[in-house]
Amino acid sequence: VAALTTASLTVSAAAQDNRGAYDVAVRCFVANVRAEGLERRAGRPEAAERYRLAGRDSFDAMAVLGVALGKTREQMEADVRASQNTDLPRMVSDNAYFRTVVSTCRAYGLMPSG
């Protein structure tokens, strides 16, 4: 019984870790799209391309983690839309929040530095 309980806790902890990483990947996808747009408007196409590629990597990570969590494509798309509706406006209006998201994304390897 103790082994089952320990195994259940391990699986539960892994699912929580996956959920946290999934949420970060969704937010990083949105942050990379924002950074790409900022770089394009600033006339820096090479930097914009780096963020575009990082956005794709974030999306791919989100998809892998989403599948591991049992999410459907529709659920993952809804999660991206929700982040675009909540996180993106905050990233635009609150630069400190955007910098925090950028730092987190870089720590996860989902956003280029500088």
C-alpha atoms as a PDB file:
ATOM      1  CA  VAL A   1       0.000   0.000   0.000  1.00  0.00           C
ATOM      2  CA  ALA A   2       2.840   2.403   0.838  1.00  0.00           C
ATOM      3  CA  ALA A   3       4.424   1.735  -2.560  1.00  0.00           C
ATOM      4  CA  LEU A   4       1.134   2.505  -4.294  1.00  0.00           C
ATOM      5  CA  THR A   5       0.738   5.713  -2.339  1.00  0.00           C
ATOM      6  CA  THR A   6       4.311   6.755  -3.142  1.00  0.00           C
ATOM      7  CA  ALA A   7       3.804   5.916  -6.813  1.00  0.00           C
ATOM      8  CA  SER A   8       0.546   7.861  -6.869  1.00  0.00           C
ATOM      9  CA  LEU A   9       2.239  10.869  -5.288  1.00  0.00           C
ATOM     10  CA  THR A  10       5.095  10.637  -7.801  1.00  0.00           C
ATOM     11  CA  VAL A  11       2.664  10.523 -10.734  1.00  0.00           C
ATOM     12  CA  SER A  12       0.674  13.391  -9.229  1.00  0.00           C
ATOM     13  CA  ALA A  13       3.835  15.483  -8.739  1.00  0.00           C
ATOM     14  CA  ALA A  14       4.932  14.751 -12.310  1.00  0.00           C
ATOM     15  CA  ALA A  15       1.518  15.820 -13.613  1.00  0.00           C
ATOM     16  CA  GLN A  16       1.756  19.051 -11.605  1.00  0.00           C
ATOM     17  CA  ASP A  17       5.248  19.656 -12.991  1.00  0.00           C
ATOM     18  CA  ASN A  18       3.942  19.052 -16.515  1.00  0.00           C
ATOM     19  CA  ARG A  19       1.017  21.390 -15.888  1.00  0.00           C
ATOM     20  CA  GLY A  20       3.332  24.132 -14.654  1.00  0.00           C
ATOM     21  CA  ALA A  21       5.685  23.665 -17.604  1.00  0.00           C
ATOM     22  CA  TYR A  22       2.699  23.624 -19.964  1.00  0.00           C
ATOM     23  CA  ASP A  23       1.433  26.925 -18.557  1.00  0.00           C
ATOM     24  CA  VAL A  24       4.904  28.441 -18.952  1.00  0.00           C
ATOM     25  CA  ALA A  25       5.138  27.218 -22.565  1.00  0.00           C
ATOM     26  CA  VAL A  26       1.767  28.799 -23.393  1.00  0.00           C
ATOM     27  CA  ARG A  27       2.815  32.099 -21.834  1.00  0.00           C
ATOM     28  CA  CYS A  28       6.212  31.949 -23.588  1.00  0.00           C
ATOM     29  CA  PHE A  29       4.535  31.407 -26.948  1.00  0.00           C
ATOM     30  CA  VAL A  30       2.517  34.577 -26.393  1.00  0.00           C
ATOM     31  CA  ALA A  31       5.560  36.489 -25.108  1.00  0.00           C
ATOM     32  CA  ASN A  32       7.628  35.466 -28.133  1.00  0.00           C
ATOM     33  CA  VAL A  33       4.894  36.643 -30.494  1.00  0.00           C
ATOM     34  CA  ARG A  34       4.878  39.980 -28.652  1.00  0.00           C
ATOM     35  CA  ALA A  35       8.685  40.253 -28.766  1.00  0.00           C
ATOM     36  CA  GLU A  36       8.689  39.354 -32.459  1.00  0.00           C
ATOM     37  CA  GLY A  37       6.259  42.185 -33.173  1.00  0.00           C
ATOM     38  CA  LEU A  38       8.277  44.650 -31.127  1.00  0.00           C
ATOM     39  CA  GLU A  39      11.450  43.755 -33.013  1.00  0.00           C
ATOM     40  CA  ARG A  40       9.732  43.983 -36.411  1.00  0.00           C
ATOM     41  CA  ARG A  41       8.350  47.431 -35.586  1.00  0.00           C
ATOM     42  CA  ALA A  42      11.823  48.495 -34.418  1.00  0.00           C
ATOM     43  CA  GLY A  43      13.272  47.482 -37.801  1.00  0.00           C
ATOM     44  CA  ARG A  44      15.265  44.512 -36.498  1.00  0.00           C
ATOM     45  CA  PRO A  45      14.185  41.602 -38.727  1.00  0.00           C
ATOM     46  CA  GLU A  46      16.966  39.252 -37.556  1.00  0.00           C
ATOM     47  CA  ALA A  47      15.921  39.634 -33.922  1.00  0.00           C
ATOM     48  CA  ALA A  48      12.270  39.245 -34.918  1.00  0.00           C
ATOM     49  CA  GLU A  49      13.117  35.971 -36.641  1.00  0.00           C
ATOM     50  CA  ARG A  50      14.823  34.655 -33.489  1.00  0.00           C
ATOM     51  CA  TYR A  51      11.652  35.341 -31.513  1.00  0.00           C
ATOM     52  CA  ARG A  52       9.499  33.793 -34.231  1.00  0.00           C
ATOM     53  CA  LEU A  53      11.548  30.602 -34.040  1.00  0.00           C
ATOM     54  CA  ALA A  54      11.458  30.648 -30.238  1.00  0.00           C
ATOM     55  CA  GLY A  55       7.687  31.050 -30.459  1.00  0.00           C
ATOM     56  CA  ARG A  56       7.524  27.952 -32.607  1.00  0.00           C
ATOM     57  CA  ASP A  57       9.661  26.067 -30.070  1.00  0.00           C
ATOM     58  CA  SER A  58       7.375  27.265 -27.263  1.00  0.00           C
ATOM     59  CA  PHE A  59       4.325  26.120 -29.206  1.00  0.00           C
ATOM     60  CA  ASP A  60       5.928  22.712 -29.862  1.00  0.00           C
ATOM     61  CA  ALA A  61       6.790  22.328 -26.155  1.00  0.00           C
ATOM     62  CA  MET A  62       3.233  23.297 -25.264  1.00  0.00           C
ATOM     63  CA  ALA A  63       1.880  20.677 -27.671  1.00  0.00           C
ATOM     64  CA  VAL A  64       4.072  17.880 -26.282  1.00  0.00           C
ATOM     65  CA  LEU A  65       3.212  18.769 -22.700  1.00  0.00           C
ATOM     66  CA  GLY A  66      -0.455  19.211 -23.585  1.00  0.00           C
ATOM     67  CA  VAL A  67      -0.607  15.711 -25.046  1.00  0.00           C
ATOM     68  CA  ALA A  68       1.110  14.364 -21.913  1.00  0.00           C
ATOM     69  CA  LEU A  69      -1.598  16.082 -19.872  1.00  0.00           C
ATOM     70  CA  GLY A  70      -4.342  14.559 -22.036  1.00  0.00           C
ATOM     71  CA  LYS A  71      -5.398  17.846 -23.617  1.00  0.00           C
ATOM     72  CA  THR A  72      -7.061  17.947 -27.004  1.00  0.00           C
ATOM     73  CA  ARG A  73      -5.952  20.308 -29.749  1.00  0.00           C
ATOM     74  CA  GLU A  74      -9.063  22.377 -29.122  1.00  0.00           C
ATOM     75  CA  GLN A  75      -8.239  22.673 -25.417  1.00  0.00           C
ATOM     76  CA  MET A  76      -4.688  23.772 -26.207  1.00  0.00           C
ATOM     77  CA  GLU A  77      -5.954  26.356 -28.697  1.00  0.00           C
ATOM     78  CA  ALA A  78      -8.375  27.627 -26.045  1.00  0.00           C
ATOM     79  CA  ASP A  79      -5.489  27.926 -23.574  1.00  0.00           C
ATOM     80  CA  VAL A  80      -3.497  30.011 -26.079  1.00  0.00           C
ATOM     81  CA  ARG A  81      -6.521  32.250 -26.698  1.00  0.00           C
ATOM     82  CA  ALA A  82      -7.015  32.653 -22.953  1.00  0.00           C
ATOM     83  CA  SER A  83      -3.371  33.690 -22.541  1.00  0.00           C
ATOM     84  CA  GLN A  84      -3.704  36.105 -25.441  1.00  0.00           C
ATOM     85  CA  ASN A  85      -6.761  37.610 -23.750  1.00  0.00           C
ATOM     86  CA  THR A  86      -5.273  37.842 -20.249  1.00  0.00           C
ATOM     87  CA  ASP A  87      -1.469  37.669 -20.307  1.00  0.00           C
ATOM     88  CA  LEU A  88      -0.870  39.641 -23.503  1.00  0.00           C
ATOM     89  CA  PRO A  89      -2.719  42.797 -22.400  1.00  0.00           C
ATOM     90  CA  ARG A  90      -0.811  42.639 -19.118  1.00  0.00           C
ATOM     91  CA  MET A  91       2.488  42.204 -20.991  1.00  0.00           C
ATOM     92  CA  VAL A  92       1.646  45.303 -23.019  1.00  0.00           C
ATOM     93  CA  SER A  93       0.550  47.469 -20.101  1.00  0.00           C
ATOM     94  CA  ASP A  94       2.929  46.241 -17.383  1.00  0.00           C
ATOM     95  CA  ASN A  95       6.566  46.149 -18.489  1.00  0.00           C
ATOM     96  CA  ALA A  96       7.674  44.627 -15.158  1.00  0.00           C
ATOM     97  CA  TYR A  97       5.308  41.714 -15.751  1.00  0.00           C
ATOM     98  CA  PHE A  98       6.610  41.292 -19.303  1.00  0.00           C
ATOM     99  CA  ARG A  99      10.221  41.262 -18.011  1.00  0.00           C
ATOM    100  CA  THR A 100       9.267  38.612 -15.437  1.00  0.00           C
ATOM    101  CA  VAL A 101       7.699  36.446 -18.143  1.00  0.00           C
ATOM    102  CA  VAL A 102      10.761  36.937 -20.363  1.00  0.00           C
ATOM    103  CA  SER A 103      13.060  35.866 -17.502  1.00  0.00           C
ATOM    104  CA  THR A 104      10.977  32.756 -16.868  1.00  0.00           C
ATOM    105  CA  CYS A 105      10.902  31.881 -20.563  1.00  0.00           C
ATOM    106  CA  ARG A 106      14.664  32.285 -20.826  1.00  0.00           C
ATOM    107  CA  ALA A 107      15.154  30.082 -17.761  1.00  0.00           C
ATOM    108  CA  TYR A 108      13.119  27.371 -19.505  1.00  0.00           C
ATOM    109  CA  GLY A 109      15.078  27.867 -22.730  1.00  0.00           C
ATOM    110  CA  LEU A 110      11.966  29.085 -24.557  1.00  0.00           C
ATOM    111  CA  MET A 111      13.091  32.621 -25.397  1.00  0.00           C
ATOM    112  CA  PRO A 112      16.354  33.947 -26.813  1.00  0.00           C
ATOM    113  CA  SER A 113      18.491  36.200 -24.668  1.00  0.00           C
ATOM    114  CA  GLY A 114      18.964  39.829 -25.627  1.00  0.00           C
END
